[in-house]
Amino acid sequence: MTKKTIKMAALLLVSTALVAGCGKKKVDNLPPAAEGTDYGQAATDPNAMGAGQIMPGSQEDFLQQVGQFGDRILFETDRFNVDAEDQAILQRQAQWLAQYPGTRITVEGHADERGTRDYNLALGERRANAAKNFLVSIGVDASRIQTVSYGKERPSALGSDEQAWAQNRRAVTVTVR
């Protein structure tokens, strides 16, 4: 064996021994939970949320209540008007929000890939504000709604065709706790 081979073998043995010694240590005794916390409540409280249950007021609950694509409205090319179909979707969102007055939302404005970055950011902002303004006009408190524009930076559908572009021209409502 050459000196280089011996050094490599020794290095390999040392590194293997070090990695083997880095295992996690099992903790047998945990300190009691602080007063007022509910750690481990699901295991002891039959009324606690179980696995697979949706927490009321959560994003999952929102999506379940407003429908599969009820979190978004779609727009025509270079448009930001809220049509009758969009109004029906936003009405369902407002009804859900009325059930959870402590829940805030963010309306995200998006655009398809065509156009400049600045143009699409401005268009996304107009789309998000159009959705917000409609929600406010039907009774949702404006202080509960934030808007943000992602322009063309977060496409929902990949592709450079009308089908993908149509899905990317949207305003999406996301719950915030």
N, C-alpha and C. Protein backbone atom coordinates (compact mmCIF):
# COMPACT_ATOMS: atom_id res chain seq x y z
N MET A 1 0.83 -1.18 0.00
CA MET A 1 0.00 0.00 0.00
C MET A 1 0.87 1.24 0.00
N THR A 2 0.38 2.24 -0.68
CA THR A 2 1.11 3.50 -0.71
C THR A 2 0.71 4.34 0.50
N LYS A 3 1.52 5.35 0.77
CA LYS A 3 1.22 6.23 1.89
C LYS A 3 -0.12 6.94 1.68
N LYS A 4 -0.39 7.28 0.43
CA LYS A 4 -1.63 7.98 0.12
C LYS A 4 -2.84 7.07 0.40
N THR A 5 -2.77 5.83 0.04
CA THR A 5 -3.86 4.87 0.27
C THR A 5 -4.08 4.66 1.76
N ILE A 6 -2.98 4.56 2.51
CA ILE A 6 -3.08 4.36 3.96
C ILE A 6 -3.74 5.58 4.61
N LYS A 7 -3.34 6.78 4.17
CA LYS A 7 -3.92 8.00 4.72
C LYS A 7 -5.42 8.07 4.41
N MET A 8 -5.79 7.69 3.19
CA MET A 8 -7.20 7.72 2.79
C MET A 8 -8.01 6.72 3.62
N ALA A 9 -7.47 5.53 3.84
CA ALA A 9 -8.17 4.51 4.63
C ALA A 9 -8.32 4.98 6.08
N ALA A 10 -7.29 5.59 6.63
CA ALA A 10 -7.35 6.09 8.01
C ALA A 10 -8.39 7.22 8.12
N LEU A 11 -8.39 8.10 7.14
CA LEU A 11 -9.35 9.20 7.13
C LEU A 11 -10.78 8.66 7.04
N LEU A 12 -10.98 7.66 6.22
CA LEU A 12 -12.30 7.04 6.07
C LEU A 12 -12.75 6.40 7.39
N LEU A 13 -11.84 5.69 8.07
CA LEU A 13 -12.18 5.07 9.35
C LEU A 13 -12.53 6.11 10.41
N VAL A 14 -11.75 7.18 10.48
CA VAL A 14 -12.00 8.22 11.47
C VAL A 14 -13.33 8.91 11.19
N SER A 15 -13.60 9.24 9.93
CA SER A 15 -14.85 9.92 9.61
C SER A 15 -16.05 9.02 9.86
N THR A 16 -15.91 7.73 9.61
CA THR A 16 -17.00 6.79 9.88
C THR A 16 -17.28 6.71 11.37
N ALA A 17 -16.23 6.69 12.17
CA ALA A 17 -16.39 6.63 13.63
C ALA A 17 -17.06 7.91 14.15
N LEU A 18 -16.70 9.06 13.57
CA LEU A 18 -17.30 10.32 14.00
C LEU A 18 -18.79 10.36 13.66
N VAL A 19 -19.13 9.94 12.46
CA VAL A 19 -20.53 9.96 12.04
C VAL A 19 -21.35 8.99 12.88
N ALA A 20 -20.81 7.83 13.18
CA ALA A 20 -21.52 6.85 13.99
C ALA A 20 -21.79 7.38 15.39
N GLY A 21 -20.95 8.21 15.90
CA GLY A 21 -21.11 8.76 17.25
C GLY A 21 -22.06 9.94 17.31
N CYS A 22 -22.59 10.37 16.17
CA CYS A 22 -23.46 11.55 16.13
C CYS A 22 -24.94 11.20 16.16
N GLY A 23 -25.30 10.01 16.56
CA GLY A 23 -26.70 9.61 16.61
C GLY A 23 -27.47 10.42 17.63
N LYS A 24 -28.80 10.44 17.50
CA LYS A 24 -29.63 11.18 18.45
C LYS A 24 -29.75 10.41 19.75
N LYS A 25 -29.71 11.13 20.82
CA LYS A 25 -29.82 10.56 22.14
C LYS A 25 -31.30 10.48 22.51
N LYS A 26 -31.73 9.34 23.01
CA LYS A 26 -33.11 9.15 23.40
C LYS A 26 -33.34 9.82 24.74
N VAL A 27 -34.43 10.58 24.82
CA VAL A 27 -34.79 11.25 26.06
C VAL A 27 -35.91 10.45 26.72
N ASP A 28 -35.65 9.95 27.91
CA ASP A 28 -36.64 9.14 28.60
C ASP A 28 -37.65 9.96 29.38
N ASN A 29 -37.19 11.00 30.00
CA ASN A 29 -38.07 11.80 30.85
C ASN A 29 -38.15 13.22 30.32
N LEU A 30 -39.36 13.63 29.94
CA LEU A 30 -39.59 14.99 29.48
C LEU A 30 -40.15 15.81 30.62
N PRO A 31 -39.81 17.09 30.68
CA PRO A 31 -40.39 17.93 31.73
C PRO A 31 -41.88 18.12 31.45
N PRO A 32 -42.67 18.41 32.48
CA PRO A 32 -44.11 18.63 32.27
C PRO A 32 -44.34 19.87 31.43
N ALA A 33 -45.46 19.89 30.69
CA ALA A 33 -45.81 21.05 29.87
C ALA A 33 -46.11 22.23 30.78
N ALA A 34 -45.81 23.41 30.29
CA ALA A 34 -46.05 24.63 31.07
C ALA A 34 -47.55 24.79 31.30
N GLU A 35 -47.89 25.45 32.37
CA GLU A 35 -49.28 25.71 32.71
C GLU A 35 -49.97 26.45 31.57
N GLY A 36 -51.13 26.01 31.15
CA GLY A 36 -51.89 26.70 30.11
C GLY A 36 -51.58 26.25 28.70
N THR A 37 -50.63 25.35 28.49
CA THR A 37 -50.35 24.89 27.14
C THR A 37 -51.15 23.63 26.89
N ASP A 38 -51.33 23.31 25.61
CA ASP A 38 -52.10 22.12 25.28
C ASP A 38 -51.28 21.11 24.48
N TYR A 39 -49.98 21.03 24.78
CA TYR A 39 -49.14 20.06 24.10
C TYR A 39 -49.67 18.67 24.41
N GLY A 40 -49.81 17.89 23.40
CA GLY A 40 -50.27 16.52 23.61
C GLY A 40 -51.75 16.41 23.88
N GLN A 41 -52.50 17.48 23.69
CA GLN A 41 -53.92 17.47 23.97
C GLN A 41 -54.65 16.46 23.11
N ALA A 42 -54.25 16.33 21.85
CA ALA A 42 -54.95 15.41 20.95
C ALA A 42 -54.88 13.99 21.45
N ALA A 43 -53.82 13.65 22.16
CA ALA A 43 -53.69 12.28 22.65
C ALA A 43 -54.59 12.03 23.86
N THR A 44 -54.94 13.06 24.62
CA THR A 44 -55.70 12.85 25.85
C THR A 44 -57.11 13.41 25.79
N ASP A 45 -57.38 14.36 24.94
CA ASP A 45 -58.69 15.00 24.88
C ASP A 45 -59.48 14.45 23.70
N PRO A 46 -60.60 13.77 23.95
CA PRO A 46 -61.37 13.20 22.84
C PRO A 46 -61.99 14.28 21.95
N ASN A 47 -62.08 15.53 22.43
CA ASN A 47 -62.65 16.60 21.62
C ASN A 47 -61.61 17.32 20.78
N ALA A 48 -60.34 16.96 20.94
CA ALA A 48 -59.27 17.62 20.18
C ALA A 48 -59.33 17.17 18.73
N MET A 49 -58.79 18.01 17.85
CA MET A 49 -58.77 17.70 16.42
C MET A 49 -57.92 16.46 16.17
N GLY A 50 -58.42 15.54 15.40
CA GLY A 50 -57.67 14.35 15.06
C GLY A 50 -57.00 14.49 13.72
N ALA A 51 -56.21 13.51 13.37
CA ALA A 51 -55.52 13.51 12.09
C ALA A 51 -56.56 13.50 10.97
N GLY A 52 -56.33 14.28 9.96
CA GLY A 52 -57.21 14.30 8.81
C GLY A 52 -58.38 15.28 8.95
N GLN A 53 -58.58 15.85 10.13
CA GLN A 53 -59.65 16.82 10.31
C GLN A 53 -59.14 18.21 9.93
N ILE A 54 -60.04 19.00 9.41
CA ILE A 54 -59.68 20.35 8.98
C ILE A 54 -60.06 21.34 10.07
N MET A 55 -59.11 22.19 10.43
CA MET A 55 -59.34 23.18 11.47
C MET A 55 -60.23 24.31 10.93
N PRO A 56 -61.34 24.60 11.61
CA PRO A 56 -62.21 25.70 11.17
C PRO A 56 -61.44 27.01 11.10
N GLY A 57 -61.67 27.77 10.03
CA GLY A 57 -61.02 29.05 9.85
C GLY A 57 -59.67 28.97 9.16
N SER A 58 -59.21 27.75 8.84
CA SER A 58 -57.91 27.57 8.18
C SER A 58 -58.04 27.72 6.67
N GLN A 59 -56.91 27.76 5.98
CA GLN A 59 -56.90 27.82 4.52
C GLN A 59 -57.59 26.58 3.94
N GLU A 60 -57.37 25.43 4.57
CA GLU A 60 -57.99 24.19 4.10
C GLU A 60 -59.51 24.28 4.23
N ASP A 61 -59.99 24.83 5.35
CA ASP A 61 -61.42 25.02 5.55
C ASP A 61 -61.97 25.99 4.50
N PHE A 62 -61.24 27.06 4.27
CA PHE A 62 -61.63 28.04 3.26
C PHE A 62 -61.81 27.37 1.91
N LEU A 63 -60.82 26.58 1.49
CA LEU A 63 -60.89 25.91 0.19
C LEU A 63 -62.03 24.91 0.13
N GLN A 64 -62.26 24.22 1.24
CA GLN A 64 -63.35 23.24 1.28
C GLN A 64 -64.71 23.93 1.15
N GLN A 65 -64.86 25.08 1.79
CA GLN A 65 -66.14 25.77 1.80
C GLN A 65 -66.44 26.53 0.51
N VAL A 66 -65.43 27.12 -0.11
CA VAL A 66 -65.68 27.94 -1.30
C VAL A 66 -65.54 27.14 -2.60
N GLY A 67 -65.12 25.90 -2.52
CA GLY A 67 -65.01 25.07 -3.71
C GLY A 67 -63.57 24.92 -4.17
N GLN A 68 -63.36 23.95 -5.05
CA GLN A 68 -62.00 23.59 -5.46
C GLN A 68 -61.20 24.77 -5.99
N PHE A 69 -61.81 25.59 -6.84
CA PHE A 69 -61.09 26.75 -7.37
C PHE A 69 -61.75 28.05 -6.92
N GLY A 70 -62.44 27.99 -5.78
CA GLY A 70 -63.14 29.16 -5.25
C GLY A 70 -62.24 30.18 -4.61
N ASP A 71 -60.94 29.89 -4.56
CA ASP A 71 -60.00 30.85 -4.00
C ASP A 71 -59.48 31.80 -5.06
N ARG A 72 -59.90 31.63 -6.32
CA ARG A 72 -59.34 32.45 -7.40
C ARG A 72 -60.40 32.92 -8.38
N ILE A 73 -60.14 34.07 -8.94
CA ILE A 73 -60.95 34.55 -10.05
C ILE A 73 -60.00 34.76 -11.22
N LEU A 74 -60.52 34.58 -12.42
CA LEU A 74 -59.70 34.66 -13.64
C LEU A 74 -60.07 35.89 -14.45
N PHE A 75 -59.12 36.37 -15.23
CA PHE A 75 -59.31 37.59 -16.00
C PHE A 75 -58.97 37.36 -17.47
N GLU A 76 -59.55 38.20 -18.29
CA GLU A 76 -59.21 38.22 -19.72
C GLU A 76 -57.86 38.92 -19.89
N THR A 77 -57.27 38.80 -21.06
CA THR A 77 -55.99 39.42 -21.36
C THR A 77 -56.07 40.93 -21.13
N ASP A 78 -55.10 41.47 -20.41
CA ASP A 78 -54.98 42.91 -20.13
C ASP A 78 -56.19 43.50 -19.43
N ARG A 79 -56.96 42.71 -18.73
CA ARG A 79 -58.16 43.18 -18.04
C ARG A 79 -58.06 42.94 -16.54
N PHE A 80 -58.84 43.72 -15.79
CA PHE A 80 -58.90 43.53 -14.35
C PHE A 80 -60.31 43.75 -13.83
N ASN A 81 -61.30 43.63 -14.73
CA ASN A 81 -62.69 43.81 -14.31
C ASN A 81 -63.23 42.50 -13.69
N VAL A 82 -64.10 42.67 -12.71
CA VAL A 82 -64.72 41.54 -12.00
C VAL A 82 -66.07 41.28 -12.67
N ASP A 83 -66.18 40.17 -13.40
CA ASP A 83 -67.42 39.86 -14.11
C ASP A 83 -68.39 39.10 -13.19
N ALA A 84 -69.54 38.71 -13.72
CA ALA A 84 -70.59 38.06 -12.92
C ALA A 84 -70.12 36.75 -12.31
N GLU A 85 -69.36 35.96 -13.05
CA GLU A 85 -68.85 34.69 -12.52
C GLU A 85 -67.87 34.95 -11.37
N ASP A 86 -67.02 35.95 -11.54
CA ASP A 86 -66.08 36.32 -10.48
C ASP A 86 -66.83 36.82 -9.24
N GLN A 87 -67.89 37.58 -9.45
CA GLN A 87 -68.68 38.10 -8.34
C GLN A 87 -69.28 36.96 -7.51
N ALA A 88 -69.74 35.91 -8.18
CA ALA A 88 -70.31 34.76 -7.47
C ALA A 88 -69.25 34.09 -6.60
N ILE A 89 -68.04 33.96 -7.12
CA ILE A 89 -66.93 33.36 -6.35
C ILE A 89 -66.59 34.24 -5.16
N LEU A 90 -66.49 35.54 -5.39
CA LEU A 90 -66.15 36.47 -4.30
C LEU A 90 -67.28 36.54 -3.26
N GLN A 91 -68.52 36.34 -3.69
CA GLN A 91 -69.65 36.28 -2.74
C GLN A 91 -69.46 35.10 -1.79
N ARG A 92 -69.07 33.94 -2.32
CA ARG A 92 -68.83 32.76 -1.47
C ARG A 92 -67.67 33.03 -0.51
N GLN A 93 -66.65 33.71 -0.99
CA GLN A 93 -65.52 34.05 -0.11
C GLN A 93 -65.99 34.98 1.01
N ALA A 94 -66.81 35.96 0.68
CA ALA A 94 -67.31 36.90 1.69
C ALA A 94 -68.18 36.18 2.71
N GLN A 95 -68.98 35.23 2.28
CA GLN A 95 -69.81 34.46 3.21
C GLN A 95 -68.93 33.68 4.18
N TRP A 96 -67.87 33.08 3.67
CA TRP A 96 -66.95 32.34 4.54
C TRP A 96 -66.28 33.30 5.51
N LEU A 97 -65.82 34.43 5.02
CA LEU A 97 -65.16 35.42 5.88
C LEU A 97 -66.10 35.93 6.97
N ALA A 98 -67.39 36.01 6.69
CA ALA A 98 -68.36 36.44 7.70
C ALA A 98 -68.42 35.44 8.86
N GLN A 99 -68.17 34.18 8.57
CA GLN A 99 -68.17 33.15 9.62
C GLN A 99 -66.93 33.26 10.52
N TYR A 100 -65.86 33.83 10.00
CA TYR A 100 -64.58 33.91 10.72
C TYR A 100 -64.09 35.35 10.74
N PRO A 101 -64.71 36.21 11.54
CA PRO A 101 -64.37 37.63 11.52
C PRO A 101 -62.95 37.94 11.97
N GLY A 102 -62.27 37.01 12.61
CA GLY A 102 -60.89 37.25 13.03
C GLY A 102 -59.87 36.87 11.97
N THR A 103 -60.33 36.29 10.88
CA THR A 103 -59.41 35.85 9.83
C THR A 103 -59.16 36.97 8.84
N ARG A 104 -57.90 37.16 8.52
CA ARG A 104 -57.49 38.15 7.53
C ARG A 104 -57.11 37.41 6.25
N ILE A 105 -57.12 38.11 5.15
CA ILE A 105 -56.75 37.49 3.87
C ILE A 105 -55.76 38.37 3.12
N THR A 106 -55.05 37.72 2.23
CA THR A 106 -54.23 38.42 1.25
C THR A 106 -54.75 38.04 -0.12
N VAL A 107 -55.00 39.03 -0.95
CA VAL A 107 -55.40 38.77 -2.33
C VAL A 107 -54.17 38.98 -3.20
N GLU A 108 -53.75 37.90 -3.86
CA GLU A 108 -52.57 37.93 -4.71
C GLU A 108 -52.98 38.19 -6.16
N GLY A 109 -52.37 39.16 -6.79
CA GLY A 109 -52.63 39.44 -8.20
C GLY A 109 -51.55 38.83 -9.06
N HIS A 110 -51.96 38.18 -10.16
CA HIS A 110 -51.03 37.49 -11.06
C HIS A 110 -51.32 37.84 -12.51
N ALA A 111 -50.33 37.64 -13.35
CA ALA A 111 -50.46 37.89 -14.78
C ALA A 111 -49.81 36.74 -15.54
N ASP A 112 -50.11 36.65 -16.84
CA ASP A 112 -49.43 35.63 -17.63
C ASP A 112 -48.04 36.13 -18.01
N GLU A 113 -47.29 35.32 -18.71
CA GLU A 113 -45.87 35.61 -18.97
C GLU A 113 -45.63 36.70 -20.00
N ARG A 114 -46.66 37.06 -20.74
CA ARG A 114 -46.48 38.07 -21.78
C ARG A 114 -46.42 39.46 -21.16
N GLY A 115 -45.69 40.35 -21.75
CA GLY A 115 -45.55 41.71 -21.22
C GLY A 115 -44.31 41.84 -20.36
N THR A 116 -43.96 43.08 -20.07
CA THR A 116 -42.76 43.33 -19.27
C THR A 116 -43.04 43.03 -17.80
N ARG A 117 -41.98 42.90 -17.05
CA ARG A 117 -42.11 42.63 -15.61
C ARG A 117 -42.90 43.75 -14.93
N ASP A 118 -42.55 45.00 -15.22
CA ASP A 118 -43.23 46.14 -14.60
C ASP A 118 -44.70 46.21 -14.99
N TYR A 119 -45.00 45.97 -16.25
CA TYR A 119 -46.39 46.00 -16.71
C TYR A 119 -47.20 44.92 -15.97
N ASN A 120 -46.65 43.72 -15.87
CA ASN A 120 -47.37 42.62 -15.24
C ASN A 120 -47.52 42.82 -13.73
N LEU A 121 -46.53 43.44 -13.08
CA LEU A 121 -46.68 43.75 -11.66
C LEU A 121 -47.82 44.76 -11.45
N ALA A 122 -47.90 45.77 -12.31
CA ALA A 122 -48.98 46.76 -12.21
C ALA A 122 -50.33 46.11 -12.50
N LEU A 123 -50.39 45.24 -13.49
CA LEU A 123 -51.64 44.56 -13.84
C LEU A 123 -52.07 43.62 -12.70
N GLY A 124 -51.12 42.91 -12.12
CA GLY A 124 -51.43 42.04 -10.98
C GLY A 124 -51.97 42.84 -9.81
N GLU A 125 -51.41 44.02 -9.59
CA GLU A 125 -51.89 44.89 -8.51
C GLU A 125 -53.32 45.35 -8.77
N ARG A 126 -53.62 45.73 -10.01
CA ARG A 126 -54.98 46.15 -10.35
C ARG A 126 -55.96 44.98 -10.17
N ARG A 127 -55.55 43.77 -10.51
CA ARG A 127 -56.42 42.60 -10.35
C ARG A 127 -56.68 42.31 -8.88
N ALA A 128 -55.64 42.36 -8.07
CA ALA A 128 -55.81 42.12 -6.63
C ALA A 128 -56.71 43.19 -6.02
N ASN A 129 -56.51 44.44 -6.40
CA ASN A 129 -57.33 45.53 -5.87
C ASN A 129 -58.78 45.44 -6.35
N ALA A 130 -58.99 44.96 -7.57
CA ALA A 130 -60.37 44.79 -8.07
C ALA A 130 -61.11 43.76 -7.22
N ALA A 131 -60.45 42.66 -6.88
CA ALA A 131 -61.06 41.64 -6.03
C ALA A 131 -61.31 42.21 -4.64
N LYS A 132 -60.33 42.90 -4.10
CA LYS A 132 -60.47 43.51 -2.76
C LYS A 132 -61.62 44.49 -2.75
N ASN A 133 -61.68 45.37 -3.73
CA ASN A 133 -62.73 46.39 -3.77
C ASN A 133 -64.11 45.76 -3.85
N PHE A 134 -64.25 44.67 -4.59
CA PHE A 134 -65.55 44.01 -4.64
C PHE A 134 -65.90 43.42 -3.28
N LEU A 135 -64.95 42.74 -2.65
CA LEU A 135 -65.20 42.16 -1.32
C LEU A 135 -65.61 43.25 -0.33
N VAL A 136 -64.94 44.40 -0.38
CA VAL A 136 -65.27 45.51 0.51
C VAL A 136 -66.68 46.03 0.19
N SER A 137 -67.03 46.10 -1.09
CA SER A 137 -68.34 46.62 -1.48
C SER A 137 -69.49 45.73 -1.01
N ILE A 138 -69.21 44.46 -0.71
CA ILE A 138 -70.27 43.56 -0.22
C ILE A 138 -70.14 43.29 1.28
N GLY A 139 -69.33 44.10 1.97
CA GLY A 139 -69.36 44.06 3.42
C GLY A 139 -68.13 43.55 4.14
N VAL A 140 -67.10 43.11 3.44
CA VAL A 140 -65.89 42.66 4.14
C VAL A 140 -65.08 43.89 4.53
N ASP A 141 -64.67 43.94 5.78
CA ASP A 141 -63.90 45.08 6.29
C ASP A 141 -62.56 45.18 5.56
N ALA A 142 -62.28 46.33 5.00
CA ALA A 142 -61.05 46.55 4.22
C ALA A 142 -59.79 46.30 5.04
N SER A 143 -59.86 46.49 6.35
CA SER A 143 -58.67 46.29 7.18
C SER A 143 -58.29 44.82 7.28
N ARG A 144 -59.17 43.93 6.88
CA ARG A 144 -58.89 42.49 6.91
C ARG A 144 -58.22 42.00 5.63
N ILE A 145 -58.09 42.88 4.64
CA ILE A 145 -57.61 42.45 3.32
C ILE A 145 -56.33 43.18 2.95
N GLN A 146 -55.30 42.41 2.66
CA GLN A 146 -54.06 42.95 2.09
C GLN A 146 -54.02 42.52 0.63
N THR A 147 -53.28 43.26 -0.16
CA THR A 147 -53.07 42.86 -1.55
C THR A 147 -51.58 42.81 -1.83
N VAL A 148 -51.23 41.95 -2.78
CA VAL A 148 -49.85 41.85 -3.24
C VAL A 148 -49.90 41.45 -4.71
N SER A 149 -48.95 41.93 -5.47
CA SER A 149 -48.86 41.56 -6.88
C SER A 149 -47.59 40.75 -7.10
N TYR A 150 -47.74 39.63 -7.77
CA TYR A 150 -46.59 38.83 -8.16
C TYR A 150 -46.33 38.91 -9.66
N GLY A 151 -47.17 39.66 -10.37
CA GLY A 151 -46.97 39.79 -11.81
C GLY A 151 -46.94 38.42 -12.46
N LYS A 152 -45.89 38.18 -13.24
CA LYS A 152 -45.77 36.90 -13.92
C LYS A 152 -44.81 35.95 -13.20
N GLU A 153 -44.39 36.29 -11.99
CA GLU A 153 -43.35 35.55 -11.28
C GLU A 153 -43.80 34.23 -10.69
N ARG A 154 -45.09 34.01 -10.48
CA ARG A 154 -45.59 32.78 -9.85
C ARG A 154 -46.70 32.16 -10.70
N PRO A 155 -46.35 31.59 -11.83
CA PRO A 155 -47.39 31.02 -12.68
C PRO A 155 -48.07 29.81 -12.03
N SER A 156 -49.35 29.69 -12.28
CA SER A 156 -50.11 28.54 -11.80
C SER A 156 -49.96 27.38 -12.78
N ALA A 157 -49.89 27.71 -14.05
CA ALA A 157 -49.74 26.70 -15.10
C ALA A 157 -48.51 27.03 -15.94
N LEU A 158 -47.73 26.02 -16.22
CA LEU A 158 -46.56 26.21 -17.06
C LEU A 158 -46.94 26.01 -18.51
N GLY A 159 -46.33 26.78 -19.37
CA GLY A 159 -46.62 26.66 -20.79
C GLY A 159 -46.74 28.04 -21.41
N SER A 160 -46.59 28.06 -22.71
CA SER A 160 -46.68 29.32 -23.46
C SER A 160 -47.80 29.20 -24.48
N ASP A 161 -48.99 28.93 -23.99
CA ASP A 161 -50.16 28.84 -24.86
C ASP A 161 -51.36 29.46 -24.15
N GLU A 162 -52.44 29.65 -24.87
CA GLU A 162 -53.61 30.34 -24.32
C GLU A 162 -54.17 29.64 -23.08
N GLN A 163 -54.14 28.31 -23.07
CA GLN A 163 -54.67 27.56 -21.93
C GLN A 163 -53.89 27.89 -20.65
N ALA A 164 -52.56 27.90 -20.73
CA ALA A 164 -51.73 28.23 -19.57
C ALA A 164 -51.89 29.70 -19.19
N TRP A 165 -51.88 30.57 -20.18
CA TRP A 165 -52.01 32.00 -19.90
C TRP A 165 -53.33 32.30 -19.19
N ALA A 166 -54.42 31.65 -19.62
CA ALA A 166 -55.74 31.89 -19.02
C ALA A 166 -55.74 31.53 -17.53
N GLN A 167 -55.03 30.48 -17.15
CA GLN A 167 -54.97 30.07 -15.75
C GLN A 167 -54.08 31.01 -14.92
N ASN A 168 -53.14 31.65 -15.58
CA ASN A 168 -52.19 32.51 -14.87
C ASN A 168 -52.70 33.94 -14.68
N ARG A 169 -53.72 34.34 -15.42
CA ARG A 169 -54.31 35.68 -15.26
C ARG A 169 -55.36 35.58 -14.15
N ARG A 170 -54.94 35.83 -12.90
CA ARG A 170 -55.82 35.52 -11.79
C ARG A 170 -55.57 36.41 -10.58
N ALA A 171 -56.53 36.37 -9.67
CA ALA A 171 -56.38 36.92 -8.32
C ALA A 171 -56.73 35.76 -7.38
N VAL A 172 -55.85 35.48 -6.43
CA VAL A 172 -56.00 34.34 -5.53
C VAL A 172 -56.12 34.85 -4.09
N THR A 173 -57.11 34.34 -3.37
CA THR A 173 -57.32 34.72 -1.97
C THR A 173 -56.69 33.67 -1.06
N VAL A 174 -55.86 34.13 -0.14
CA VAL A 174 -55.16 33.26 0.78
C VAL A 174 -55.45 33.76 2.21
N THR A 175 -55.81 32.83 3.09
CA THR A 175 -56.08 33.23 4.47
C THR A 175 -54.78 33.47 5.23
N VAL A 176 -54.85 34.41 6.18
CA VAL A 176 -53.71 34.75 7.02
C VAL A 176 -54.19 34.68 8.45
N ARG A 177 -53.47 34.02 9.32
CA ARG A 177 -53.89 33.93 10.73
C ARG A 177 -53.27 35.03 11.52
